[in-house]
PDB file of N, CA and C in Angstrom:
ATOM      1  N   MET A   1     -40.065  74.297  60.543  1.00  0.00           N
ATOM      2  CA  MET A   1     -38.862  73.532  60.266  1.00  0.00           C
ATOM      3  C   MET A   1     -37.764  74.514  59.884  1.00  0.00           C
ATOM      4  N   ALA A   2     -36.696  74.495  60.606  1.00  0.00           N
ATOM      5  CA  ALA A   2     -35.576  75.369  60.289  1.00  0.00           C
ATOM      6  C   ALA A   2     -34.819  74.821  59.089  1.00  0.00           C
ATOM      7  N   ILE A   3     -34.358  75.711  58.259  1.00  0.00           N
ATOM      8  CA  ILE A   3     -33.574  75.317  57.091  1.00  0.00           C
ATOM      9  C   ILE A   3     -32.128  75.167  57.540  1.00  0.00           C
ATOM     10  N   PRO A   4     -31.552  73.967  57.377  1.00  0.00           N
ATOM     11  CA  PRO A   4     -30.164  73.796  57.792  1.00  0.00           C
ATOM     12  C   PRO A   4     -29.223  74.584  56.884  1.00  0.00           C
ATOM     13  N   LYS A   5     -28.150  75.058  57.436  1.00  0.00           N
ATOM     14  CA  LYS A   5     -27.164  75.763  56.629  1.00  0.00           C
ATOM     15  C   LYS A   5     -26.457  74.735  55.745  1.00  0.00           C
ATOM     16  N   PRO A   6     -26.238  75.071  54.465  1.00  0.00           N
ATOM     17  CA  PRO A   6     -25.665  74.077  53.562  1.00  0.00           C
ATOM     18  C   PRO A   6     -24.294  73.570  53.991  1.00  0.00           C
ATOM     19  N   GLU A   7     -23.492  74.421  54.641  1.00  0.00           N
ATOM     20  CA  GLU A   7     -22.152  73.974  55.009  1.00  0.00           C
ATOM     21  C   GLU A   7     -22.164  72.891  56.085  1.00  0.00           C
ATOM     22  N   THR A   8     -23.304  72.697  56.757  1.00  0.00           N
ATOM     23  CA  THR A   8     -23.356  71.690  57.814  1.00  0.00           C
ATOM     24  C   THR A   8     -23.719  70.304  57.293  1.00  0.00           C
ATOM     25  N   ILE A   9     -24.077  70.210  56.020  1.00  0.00           N
ATOM     26  CA  ILE A   9     -24.565  68.926  55.510  1.00  0.00           C
ATOM     27  C   ILE A   9     -23.983  68.572  54.153  1.00  0.00           C
ATOM     28  N   ARG A  10     -22.722  68.780  53.968  1.00  0.00           N
ATOM     29  CA  ARG A  10     -22.097  68.503  52.679  1.00  0.00           C
ATOM     30  C   ARG A  10     -21.609  67.065  52.541  1.00  0.00           C
ATOM     31  N   LYS A  11     -21.963  66.210  53.452  1.00  0.00           N
ATOM     32  CA  LYS A  11     -21.501  64.827  53.401  1.00  0.00           C
ATOM     33  C   LYS A  11     -22.099  64.126  52.192  1.00  0.00           C
ATOM     34  N   THR A  12     -21.243  63.582  51.331  1.00  0.00           N
ATOM     35  CA  THR A  12     -21.741  62.897  50.133  1.00  0.00           C
ATOM     36  C   THR A  12     -22.466  61.612  50.490  1.00  0.00           C
ATOM     37  N   SER A  13     -22.195  61.058  51.656  1.00  0.00           N
ATOM     38  CA  SER A  13     -22.878  59.825  52.061  1.00  0.00           C
ATOM     39  C   SER A  13     -24.368  60.059  52.278  1.00  0.00           C
ATOM     40  N   LEU A  14     -24.783  61.309  52.468  1.00  0.00           N
ATOM     41  CA  LEU A  14     -26.198  61.620  52.676  1.00  0.00           C
ATOM     42  C   LEU A  14     -26.974  61.747  51.370  1.00  0.00           C
ATOM     43  N   GLN A  15     -26.286  61.826  50.225  1.00  0.00           N
ATOM     44  CA  GLN A  15     -26.966  62.099  48.959  1.00  0.00           C
ATOM     45  C   GLN A  15     -28.094  61.119  48.644  1.00  0.00           C
ATOM     46  N   PRO A  16     -27.909  59.796  48.793  1.00  0.00           N
ATOM     47  CA  PRO A  16     -29.036  58.896  48.491  1.00  0.00           C
ATOM     48  C   PRO A  16     -30.265  59.182  49.348  1.00  0.00           C
ATOM     49  N   SER A  17     -30.078  59.506  50.622  1.00  0.00           N
ATOM     50  CA  SER A  17     -31.235  59.784  51.474  1.00  0.00           C
ATOM     51  C   SER A  17     -31.877  61.120  51.106  1.00  0.00           C
ATOM     52  N   ILE A  18     -31.087  62.076  50.640  1.00  0.00           N
ATOM     53  CA  ILE A  18     -31.632  63.364  50.199  1.00  0.00           C
ATOM     54  C   ILE A  18     -32.520  63.143  48.989  1.00  0.00           C
ATOM     55  N   ASP A  19     -32.017  62.413  48.002  1.00  0.00           N
ATOM     56  CA  ASP A  19     -32.785  62.148  46.784  1.00  0.00           C
ATOM     57  C   ASP A  19     -34.042  61.349  47.096  1.00  0.00           C
ATOM     58  N   LYS A  20     -33.938  60.371  47.987  1.00  0.00           N
ATOM     59  CA  LYS A  20     -35.098  59.543  48.322  1.00  0.00           C
ATOM     60  C   LYS A  20     -36.163  60.374  49.040  1.00  0.00           C
ATOM     61  N   ALA A  21     -35.755  61.230  49.956  1.00  0.00           N
ATOM     62  CA  ALA A  21     -36.720  62.064  50.675  1.00  0.00           C
ATOM     63  C   ALA A  21     -37.457  62.989  49.714  1.00  0.00           C
ATOM     64  N   ALA A  22     -36.720  63.575  48.779  1.00  0.00           N
ATOM     65  CA  ALA A  22     -37.356  64.462  47.802  1.00  0.00           C
ATOM     66  C   ALA A  22     -38.330  63.689  46.930  1.00  0.00           C
ATOM     67  N   GLN A  23     -37.915  62.509  46.455  1.00  0.00           N
ATOM     68  CA  GLN A  23     -38.790  61.712  45.592  1.00  0.00           C
ATOM     69  C   GLN A  23     -40.010  61.211  46.364  1.00  0.00           C
ATOM     70  N   ASP A  24     -39.832  60.807  47.610  1.00  0.00           N
ATOM     71  CA  ASP A  24     -40.969  60.361  48.433  1.00  0.00           C
ATOM     72  C   ASP A  24     -41.989  61.478  48.600  1.00  0.00           C
ATOM     73  N   TRP A  25     -41.500  62.694  48.789  1.00  0.00           N
ATOM     74  CA  TRP A  25     -42.391  63.834  48.977  1.00  0.00           C
ATOM     75  C   TRP A  25     -43.212  64.082  47.714  1.00  0.00           C
ATOM     76  N   ILE A  26     -42.555  64.001  46.542  1.00  0.00           N
ATOM     77  CA  ILE A  26     -43.249  64.178  45.261  1.00  0.00           C
ATOM     78  C   ILE A  26     -44.257  63.057  45.052  1.00  0.00           C
ATOM     79  N   ASP A  27     -43.846  61.809  45.306  1.00  0.00           N
ATOM     80  CA  ASP A  27     -44.740  60.659  45.112  1.00  0.00           C
ATOM     81  C   ASP A  27     -45.961  60.751  46.016  1.00  0.00           C
ATOM     82  N   GLN A  28     -45.772  61.201  47.240  1.00  0.00           N
ATOM     83  CA  GLN A  28     -46.887  61.329  48.175  1.00  0.00           C
ATOM     84  C   GLN A  28     -47.916  62.316  47.621  1.00  0.00           C
ATOM     85  N   GLY A  29     -47.453  63.400  47.020  1.00  0.00           N
ATOM     86  CA  GLY A  29     -48.359  64.371  46.417  1.00  0.00           C
ATOM     87  C   GLY A  29     -49.116  63.784  45.240  1.00  0.00           C
ATOM     88  N   ARG A  30     -48.439  62.973  44.431  1.00  0.00           N
ATOM     89  CA  ARG A  30     -49.095  62.349  43.278  1.00  0.00           C
ATOM     90  C   ARG A  30     -50.170  61.370  43.725  1.00  0.00           C
ATOM     91  N   GLU A  31     -49.874  60.593  44.767  1.00  0.00           N
ATOM     92  CA  GLU A  31     -50.846  59.614  45.263  1.00  0.00           C
ATOM     93  C   GLU A  31     -52.123  60.305  45.721  1.00  0.00           C
ATOM     94  N   GLU A  32     -51.989  61.471  46.272  1.00  0.00           N
ATOM     95  CA  GLU A  32     -53.149  62.206  46.770  1.00  0.00           C
ATOM     96  C   GLU A  32     -53.769  63.080  45.682  1.00  0.00           C
ATOM     97  N   LYS A  33     -53.213  63.029  44.465  1.00  0.00           N
ATOM     98  CA  LYS A  33     -53.706  63.793  43.307  1.00  0.00           C
ATOM     99  C   LYS A  33     -53.603  65.300  43.490  1.00  0.00           C
ATOM    100  N   LYS A  34     -52.781  65.722  44.400  1.00  0.00           N
ATOM    101  CA  LYS A  34     -52.559  67.154  44.597  1.00  0.00           C
ATOM    102  C   LYS A  34     -51.211  67.321  45.290  1.00  0.00           C
ATOM    103  N   PRO A  35     -50.609  68.499  45.180  1.00  0.00           N
ATOM    104  CA  PRO A  35     -49.338  68.710  45.872  1.00  0.00           C
ATOM    105  C   PRO A  35     -49.499  68.541  47.384  1.00  0.00           C
ATOM    106  N   VAL A  36     -48.469  68.036  48.001  1.00  0.00           N
ATOM    107  CA  VAL A  36     -48.499  67.849  49.452  1.00  0.00           C
ATOM    108  C   VAL A  36     -48.373  69.216  50.117  1.00  0.00           C
ATOM    109  N   PRO A  37     -49.305  69.565  51.000  1.00  0.00           N
ATOM    110  CA  PRO A  37     -49.165  70.847  51.705  1.00  0.00           C
ATOM    111  C   PRO A  37     -47.862  70.873  52.505  1.00  0.00           C
ATOM    112  N   THR A  38     -47.232  72.028  52.546  1.00  0.00           N
ATOM    113  CA  THR A  38     -45.953  72.140  53.245  1.00  0.00           C
ATOM    114  C   THR A  38     -46.061  71.664  54.688  1.00  0.00           C
ATOM    115  N   ALA A  39     -47.143  72.017  55.368  1.00  0.00           N
ATOM    116  CA  ALA A  39     -47.293  71.627  56.775  1.00  0.00           C
ATOM    117  C   ALA A  39     -47.312  70.114  56.911  1.00  0.00           C
ATOM    118  N   LYS A  40     -47.998  69.414  55.998  1.00  0.00           N
ATOM    119  CA  LYS A  40     -48.050  67.957  56.063  1.00  0.00           C
ATOM    120  C   LYS A  40     -46.679  67.363  55.768  1.00  0.00           C
ATOM    121  N   ALA A  41     -45.994  67.917  54.784  1.00  0.00           N
ATOM    122  CA  ALA A  41     -44.664  67.413  54.445  1.00  0.00           C
ATOM    123  C   ALA A  41     -43.721  67.567  55.632  1.00  0.00           C
ATOM    124  N   ARG A  42     -43.868  68.649  56.348  1.00  0.00           N
ATOM    125  CA  ARG A  42     -43.003  68.864  57.510  1.00  0.00           C
ATOM    126  C   ARG A  42     -43.270  67.839  58.598  1.00  0.00           C
ATOM    127  N   GLN A  43     -44.498  67.381  58.714  1.00  0.00           N
ATOM    128  CA  GLN A  43     -44.827  66.408  59.750  1.00  0.00           C
ATOM    129  C   GLN A  43     -44.369  64.999  59.381  1.00  0.00           C
ATOM    130  N   THR A  44     -44.358  64.686  58.094  1.00  0.00           N
ATOM    131  CA  THR A  44     -44.147  63.296  57.696  1.00  0.00           C
ATOM    132  C   THR A  44     -42.822  63.024  57.014  1.00  0.00           C
ATOM    133  N   THR A  45     -42.159  64.038  56.495  1.00  0.00           N
ATOM    134  CA  THR A  45     -40.951  63.816  55.721  1.00  0.00           C
ATOM    135  C   THR A  45     -39.885  64.804  56.144  1.00  0.00           C
ATOM    136  N   THR A  46     -38.681  64.303  56.352  1.00  0.00           N
ATOM    137  CA  THR A  46     -37.556  65.180  56.612  1.00  0.00           C
ATOM    138  C   THR A  46     -36.698  65.210  55.360  1.00  0.00           C
ATOM    139  N   ILE A  47     -36.479  66.385  54.838  1.00  0.00           N
ATOM    140  CA  ILE A  47     -35.611  66.526  53.673  1.00  0.00           C
ATOM    141  C   ILE A  47     -34.356  67.241  54.144  1.00  0.00           C
ATOM    142  N   ILE A  48     -33.228  66.559  54.023  1.00  0.00           N
ATOM    143  CA  ILE A  48     -31.956  67.154  54.402  1.00  0.00           C
ATOM    144  C   ILE A  48     -31.433  67.883  53.172  1.00  0.00           C
ATOM    145  N   LEU A  49     -31.217  69.181  53.295  1.00  0.00           N
ATOM    146  CA  LEU A  49     -30.758  69.960  52.156  1.00  0.00           C
ATOM    147  C   LEU A  49     -29.245  69.910  52.043  1.00  0.00           C
ATOM    148  N   ASP A  50     -28.767  69.594  50.837  1.00  0.00           N
ATOM    149  CA  ASP A  50     -27.344  69.757  50.597  1.00  0.00           C
ATOM    150  C   ASP A  50     -27.157  71.126  49.940  1.00  0.00           C
ATOM    151  N   ALA A  51     -25.930  71.517  49.695  1.00  0.00           N
ATOM    152  CA  ALA A  51     -25.663  72.859  49.168  1.00  0.00           C
ATOM    153  C   ALA A  51     -26.329  73.074  47.816  1.00  0.00           C
ATOM    154  N   ASP A  52     -26.313  72.060  46.932  1.00  0.00           N
ATOM    155  CA  ASP A  52     -26.919  72.200  45.607  1.00  0.00           C
ATOM    156  C   ASP A  52     -28.425  72.397  45.704  1.00  0.00           C
ATOM    157  N   LEU A  53     -29.090  71.603  46.510  1.00  0.00           N
ATOM    158  CA  LEU A  53     -30.542  71.713  46.645  1.00  0.00           C
ATOM    159  C   LEU A  53     -30.912  73.055  47.277  1.00  0.00           C
ATOM    160  N   HIS A  54     -30.161  73.461  48.280  1.00  0.00           N
ATOM    161  CA  HIS A  54     -30.393  74.741  48.948  1.00  0.00           C
ATOM    162  C   HIS A  54     -30.340  75.874  47.923  1.00  0.00           C
ATOM    163  N   THR A  55     -29.314  75.872  47.087  1.00  0.00           N
ATOM    164  CA  THR A  55     -29.146  76.918  46.073  1.00  0.00           C
ATOM    165  C   THR A  55     -30.230  76.854  45.016  1.00  0.00           C
ATOM    166  N   LYS A  56     -30.540  75.661  44.518  1.00  0.00           N
ATOM    167  CA  LYS A  56     -31.541  75.525  43.458  1.00  0.00           C
ATOM    168  C   LYS A  56     -32.918  75.976  43.930  1.00  0.00           C
ATOM    169  N   ILE A  57     -33.293  75.652  45.147  1.00  0.00           N
ATOM    170  CA  ILE A  57     -34.597  76.082  45.655  1.00  0.00           C
ATOM    171  C   ILE A  57     -34.612  77.602  45.832  1.00  0.00           C
ATOM    172  N   LYS A  58     -33.515  78.177  46.323  1.00  0.00           N
ATOM    173  CA  LYS A  58     -33.466  79.635  46.462  1.00  0.00           C
ATOM    174  C   LYS A  58     -33.605  80.316  45.101  1.00  0.00           C
ATOM    175  N   VAL A  59     -32.915  79.797  44.084  1.00  0.00           N
ATOM    176  CA  VAL A  59     -32.994  80.375  42.737  1.00  0.00           C
ATOM    177  C   VAL A  59     -34.401  80.216  42.185  1.00  0.00           C
ATOM    178  N   TYR A  60     -34.971  79.034  42.332  1.00  0.00           N
ATOM    179  CA  TYR A  60     -36.330  78.787  41.833  1.00  0.00           C
ATOM    180  C   TYR A  60     -37.317  79.760  42.478  1.00  0.00           C
ATOM    181  N   CYS A  61     -37.244  79.903  43.776  1.00  0.00           N
ATOM    182  CA  CYS A  61     -38.176  80.782  44.481  1.00  0.00           C
ATOM    183  C   CYS A  61     -37.957  82.244  44.088  1.00  0.00           C
ATOM    184  N   ALA A  62     -36.712  82.627  43.848  1.00  0.00           N
ATOM    185  CA  ALA A  62     -36.433  84.001  43.427  1.00  0.00           C
ATOM    186  C   ALA A  62     -37.043  84.285  42.059  1.00  0.00           C
ATOM    187  N   GLN A  63     -37.108  83.265  41.206  1.00  0.00           N
ATOM    188  CA  GLN A  63     -37.670  83.439  39.866  1.00  0.00           C
ATOM    189  C   GLN A  63     -39.193  83.515  39.894  1.00  0.00           C
ATOM    190  N   GLN A  64     -39.816  82.991  40.932  1.00  0.00           N
ATOM    191  CA  GLN A  64     -41.273  83.037  41.064  1.00  0.00           C
ATOM    192  C   GLN A  64     -41.625  84.261  41.899  1.00  0.00           C
ATOM    193  N   LYS A  65     -42.435  85.126  41.358  1.00  0.00           N
ATOM    194  CA  LYS A  65     -42.750  86.386  42.054  1.00  0.00           C
ATOM    195  C   LYS A  65     -43.477  86.115  43.375  1.00  0.00           C
ATOM    196  N   GLY A  66     -42.922  86.629  44.449  1.00  0.00           N
ATOM    197  CA  GLY A  66     -43.572  86.554  45.747  1.00  0.00           C
ATOM    198  C   GLY A  66     -43.473  85.213  46.460  1.00  0.00           C
ATOM    199  N   MET A  67     -42.734  84.248  45.920  1.00  0.00           N
ATOM    200  CA  MET A  67     -42.629  82.946  46.582  1.00  0.00           C
ATOM    201  C   MET A  67     -41.545  83.012  47.650  1.00  0.00           C
ATOM    202  N   LYS A  68     -41.876  82.570  48.836  1.00  0.00           N
ATOM    203  CA  LYS A  68     -40.904  82.567  49.919  1.00  0.00           C
ATOM    204  C   LYS A  68     -40.037  81.316  49.824  1.00  0.00           C
ATOM    205  N   PHE A  69     -38.823  81.429  50.322  1.00  0.00           N
ATOM    206  CA  PHE A  69     -37.858  80.334  50.226  1.00  0.00           C
ATOM    207  C   PHE A  69     -38.359  79.059  50.893  1.00  0.00           C
ATOM    208  N   ASN A  70     -39.099  79.164  51.981  1.00  0.00           N
ATOM    209  CA  ASN A  70     -39.492  77.964  52.708  1.00  0.00           C
ATOM    210  C   ASN A  70     -40.738  77.292  52.141  1.00  0.00           C
ATOM    211  N   ASN A  71     -41.293  77.770  51.013  1.00  0.00           N
ATOM    212  CA  ASN A  71     -42.424  77.094  50.371  1.00  0.00           C
ATOM    213  C   ASN A  71     -41.885  76.088  49.361  1.00  0.00           C
ATOM    214  N   PHE A  72     -41.686  74.841  49.796  1.00  0.00           N
ATOM    215  CA  PHE A  72     -41.174  73.819  48.902  1.00  0.00           C
ATOM    216  C   PHE A  72     -42.254  73.442  47.911  1.00  0.00           C
ATOM    217  N   VAL A  73     -41.866  73.345  46.642  1.00  0.00           N
ATOM    218  CA  VAL A  73     -42.831  73.037  45.600  1.00  0.00           C
ATOM    219  C   VAL A  73     -42.340  71.864  44.777  1.00  0.00           C
ATOM    220  N   GLU A  74     -43.268  71.132  44.209  1.00  0.00           N
ATOM    221  CA  GLU A  74     -42.928  69.946  43.431  1.00  0.00           C
ATOM    222  C   GLU A  74     -41.954  70.268  42.307  1.00  0.00           C
ATOM    223  N   GLU A  75     -42.163  71.373  41.607  1.00  0.00           N
ATOM    224  CA  GLU A  75     -41.308  71.708  40.470  1.00  0.00           C
ATOM    225  C   GLU A  75     -39.851  71.922  40.883  1.00  0.00           C
ATOM    226  N   ALA A  76     -39.624  72.543  42.030  1.00  0.00           N
ATOM    227  CA  ALA A  76     -38.251  72.780  42.477  1.00  0.00           C
ATOM    228  C   ALA A  76     -37.560  71.467  42.809  1.00  0.00           C
ATOM    229  N   LEU A  77     -38.265  70.568  43.467  1.00  0.00           N
ATOM    230  CA  LEU A  77     -37.669  69.281  43.807  1.00  0.00           C
ATOM    231  C   LEU A  77     -37.447  68.434  42.557  1.00  0.00           C
ATOM    232  N   GLU A  78     -38.387  68.473  41.616  1.00  0.00           N
ATOM    233  CA  GLU A  78     -38.208  67.715  40.373  1.00  0.00           C
ATOM    234  C   GLU A  78     -37.017  68.249  39.583  1.00  0.00           C
ATOM    235  N   ALA A  79     -36.857  69.568  39.537  1.00  0.00           N
ATOM    236  CA  ALA A  79     -35.721  70.162  38.832  1.00  0.00           C
ATOM    237  C   ALA A  79     -34.409  69.691  39.456  1.00  0.00           C
ATOM    238  N   TYR A  80     -34.392  69.616  40.771  1.00  0.00           N
ATOM    239  CA  TYR A  80     -33.194  69.141  41.460  1.00  0.00           C
ATOM    240  C   TYR A  80     -32.901  67.684  41.113  1.00  0.00           C
ATOM    241  N   LEU A  81     -33.920  66.841  41.172  1.00  0.00           N
ATOM    242  CA  LEU A  81     -33.716  65.422  40.883  1.00  0.00           C
ATOM    243  C   LEU A  81     -33.280  65.212  39.436  1.00  0.00           C
ATOM    244  N   LYS A  82     -33.853  65.960  38.501  1.00  0.00           N
ATOM    245  CA  LYS A  82     -33.461  65.844  37.088  1.00  0.00           C
ATOM    246  C   LYS A  82     -32.018  66.274  36.894  1.00  0.00           C
ATOM    247  N   SER A  83     -31.570  67.272  37.639  1.00  0.00           N
ATOM    248  CA  SER A  83     -30.199  67.759  37.493  1.00  0.00           C
ATOM    249  C   SER A  83     -29.183  66.725  37.980  1.00  0.00           C
ATOM    250  N   LYS A  84     -29.621  65.793  38.812  1.00  0.00           N
ATOM    251  CA  LYS A  84     -28.713  64.775  39.351  1.00  0.00           C
ATOM    252  C   LYS A  84     -28.531  63.589  38.407  1.00  0.00           C
ATOM    253  N   LEU A  85     -29.365  63.514  37.340  1.00  0.00           N
ATOM    254  CA  LEU A  85     -29.274  62.379  36.404  1.00  0.00           C
ATOM    255  C   LEU A  85     -28.087  62.502  35.493  1.00  0.00           C
TER     256      LEU A  85
END
């Protein structure tokens, strides 16, 4: 899954779908009692990144030693959703 450039998706009308996709991905992992593997998430869920989410995930991954940007993790998505409250 290619990471969209943040400048291509700054439409505020997309924000509810961005938040819902992130929350659905987290909920799916909870239902299965384990984090959703990235490959499975890519097959079943599309998460449209806005500029804030793109930046927060990059910062989160930079803080974790050896984590690549494209490894989406529950904690990064939860941090993003909490920041929107």
